[in-house]
Amino acid sequence: MAYPDRLQFVEGHKYYDPKATPETPRWFNVDVKLVRKTRLLSLKELREYPELANMRILQKGNRLSITPVDPREWAFILERLK
């Protein structure tokens, strides 16, 4: 669950945002936990599966570091590409 980043309210902090208020925060944190690791997969390998043809990561112009993965695509990867 997302919650407001408290540092956006700390004047003088490098993450301070003067437009943010406690009632209308602009920056949020989420806590993440490693559930399971998978082996590294190349784009070439992902492209071999027609079921993954619509993955954003495989579309022209997308950056690897910020591309979301649909839960159904992730399930496919975990099941088929172990």
Protein backbone atom coordinates (compact mmCIF):
# COMPACT_ATOMS: atom_id res chain seq x y z
CA MET A 1 0.00 0.00 0.00
CA ALA A 2 1.32 3.46 -0.86
CA TYR A 3 1.81 6.11 1.81
CA PRO A 4 3.06 9.73 1.65
CA ASP A 5 6.82 10.22 1.67
CA ARG A 6 7.40 12.29 4.83
CA LEU A 7 10.57 13.87 3.42
CA GLN A 8 8.57 15.93 0.92
CA PHE A 9 7.39 18.03 3.86
CA VAL A 10 10.83 18.65 5.42
CA GLU A 11 11.93 22.12 4.36
CA GLY A 12 15.61 22.15 3.41
CA HIS A 13 15.70 18.42 2.65
CA LYS A 14 16.71 17.51 -0.91
CA TYR A 15 13.31 15.82 -1.39
CA TYR A 16 11.31 18.77 -0.06
CA ASP A 17 8.43 19.74 -2.35
CA PRO A 18 6.87 23.13 -1.58
CA LYS A 19 3.73 22.18 -3.53
CA ALA A 20 3.07 19.13 -1.35
CA THR A 21 0.87 19.32 1.74
CA PRO A 22 -0.18 16.59 4.17
CA GLU A 23 -3.70 16.83 2.71
CA THR A 24 -2.46 16.62 -0.89
CA PRO A 25 0.91 14.83 -0.95
CA ARG A 26 2.70 14.56 -4.28
CA TRP A 27 5.19 11.77 -3.51
CA PHE A 28 4.45 8.31 -2.16
CA ASN A 29 6.44 5.35 -0.89
CA VAL A 30 5.66 1.69 -1.24
CA ASP A 31 7.27 -1.13 0.67
CA VAL A 32 8.42 -4.05 -1.44
CA LYS A 33 9.53 -7.54 -0.51
CA LEU A 34 11.34 -10.12 -2.59
CA VAL A 35 9.04 -13.08 -3.10
CA ARG A 36 10.87 -15.09 -5.72
CA LYS A 37 13.86 -14.68 -8.02
CA THR A 38 13.91 -15.78 -11.61
CA ARG A 39 16.81 -16.17 -13.97
CA LEU A 40 17.70 -13.30 -16.28
CA LEU A 41 15.77 -13.33 -19.54
CA SER A 42 16.92 -11.67 -22.73
CA LEU A 43 14.62 -9.66 -24.96
CA LYS A 44 15.43 -12.10 -27.73
CA GLU A 45 14.18 -14.99 -25.62
CA LEU A 46 11.00 -13.15 -24.61
CA ARG A 47 10.24 -12.41 -28.27
CA GLU A 48 10.20 -16.16 -28.99
CA TYR A 49 6.85 -16.50 -27.20
CA PRO A 50 3.78 -15.25 -29.10
CA GLU A 51 1.91 -15.06 -25.76
CA LEU A 52 4.21 -12.19 -24.76
CA ALA A 53 3.97 -10.23 -28.02
CA ASN A 54 2.04 -7.39 -26.36
CA MET A 55 4.47 -6.89 -23.47
CA ARG A 56 5.41 -3.23 -23.26
CA ILE A 57 9.05 -4.13 -22.83
CA LEU A 58 8.97 -5.67 -26.31
CA GLN A 59 7.43 -2.60 -27.96
CA LYS A 60 9.69 -0.17 -29.77
CA GLY A 61 10.80 2.83 -27.72
CA ASN A 62 10.31 1.40 -24.21
CA ARG A 63 13.08 1.58 -21.62
CA LEU A 64 13.89 -1.54 -19.65
CA SER A 65 14.25 0.23 -16.31
CA ILE A 66 10.73 1.65 -16.18
CA THR A 67 8.54 -0.80 -18.08
CA PRO A 68 5.63 -2.36 -16.16
CA VAL A 69 4.81 -6.04 -16.54
CA ASP A 70 1.20 -7.19 -16.57
CA PRO A 71 0.49 -9.82 -13.86
CA ARG A 72 -0.62 -12.30 -16.54
CA GLU A 73 2.66 -11.83 -18.42
CA TRP A 74 4.63 -12.32 -15.20
CA ALA A 75 2.67 -15.50 -14.42
CA PHE A 76 3.46 -16.81 -17.90
CA ILE A 77 7.15 -16.08 -17.42
CA LEU A 78 7.27 -17.81 -14.03
CA GLU A 79 5.46 -20.89 -15.34
CA ARG A 80 7.03 -21.38 -18.74
CA LEU A 81 10.51 -19.89 -18.60
CA LYS A 82 11.95 -21.44 -15.44
